[in-house]
Amino acid sequence: MEKILFLAHTEADGTLPNAAREALSAAVGLAEKLPGASLAVALVGGDTQPAADVVAACSAARFLAVTGEEFSVSRYATDAAAVEALVRQSGATIVVAPTTSRFSRSLPGAVQRLGGRIETHVSGLDVADGTVRVQRWYYRQRMVGTLTRSQRPWFLVVDAGVFPAWQGAAGTAAVEAVAVSLPQVRTKVVGVQSPAVKTQTIRSDAPLLFVAGAGWTKKQSDGQLHLKDAEDLILDFLRKGNASLGSSKSLVDQSVEGEAVLSFMSHLNQVGQTGSTPRHPKGLATCCHGEEPHAVGWRFITERRAINTDPNCGWAQGKADVLYVADAFEVMKKVNELLAG
């Protein structure tokens, strides 16, 4: 009989990230499909009671938590020790957790201490003949694999956007405090540094991903550069459409090649970078050619559209659902006018 543990950490404000609620949905669904399986919830954070109350109705039999000031921030030593203590206390055989930067750093070490195995970037969960089957993408090979393991505990780190976020009524959870024997902590978190950008452009929960290609920074039909116009059009659309901003690799690379760049663009916006799997419902590519290096990063976007002046570009070769053969400057100017109205 499998013991499933949903594992998550709280944000700085004590809430659960959206990716965690999606992983909870996966854990609940897995417990329902496995005969005789039980579900428990484990949380790590400075104050976990508010987060536990939010998911109190998720049908979990137990709620466990490691709390305290030392666990309110992301730190390998404390996070790995907390995860180890929670898994041992729960006796979990399968651990379902969200893909976050905090867990990506700490979970592998905890798995090693527990003698378990881990699957990262899980993109699907199913049960066949009473056996859990995990689906994940192999980026370099451009393939998807289905696998299972007999080793326990088995950690399944679920990518964001795969499962719907868990929804349920809040309640009052009876949380069991789990003690942690911490090693000597030599790392002190003194603050957070963010990229120097003028506006927030990465919105993982946005309904639309707008991808800008290098064509925005090239000479246009009049033979001139229109970088300021490009920035104004893109930022105006991001604000009015509540969209997230992506970038082709060629546009990001221009910053190290001494060429003109969009001031708000950084490598964090690159679509298809290692480990980056945007899963927005819709995507709009502009001023990029749509060849394989551009298109592969879009494999999880549900509806893909593109704007390009070349009717024979890569997007026209079956890589986009709709291709608009037009000038992106003119199209986005008209779209912004419609959104303003």
Foldseek 3Di string as FASTA:
>chain_A
DFEEEEEAEAALVQEGDQLSLQLLQVRLVVQVQAPPYAYEYEYWAADNQVHCQQCVPSRHPAAEYEHHPVRHDQDQQVVLQRVLQVCVVRVGFEYTYEDDPSCVRHVVVNCVVVVFEEDAAFQDWDADPNFIWTWHADQVVRDIDIDGDPTGSYYYHYYPQRGHRDDDHGGGHDYHYTDTDGDDDPDDDDDDDDDPADDQQADLAAQEEEEEEPQLQAQDPVRDGDQVLSLVLVVLCCVLRVYHYAYAPVQQVVVVVVGDHNRRDHPVRYQPDVPDARQRQEYEYEDDQQPDSRLSSPPNHNAYEYEDLDCPGNCVVVSHPYYHNDHPSVVSVVVSVVSVD
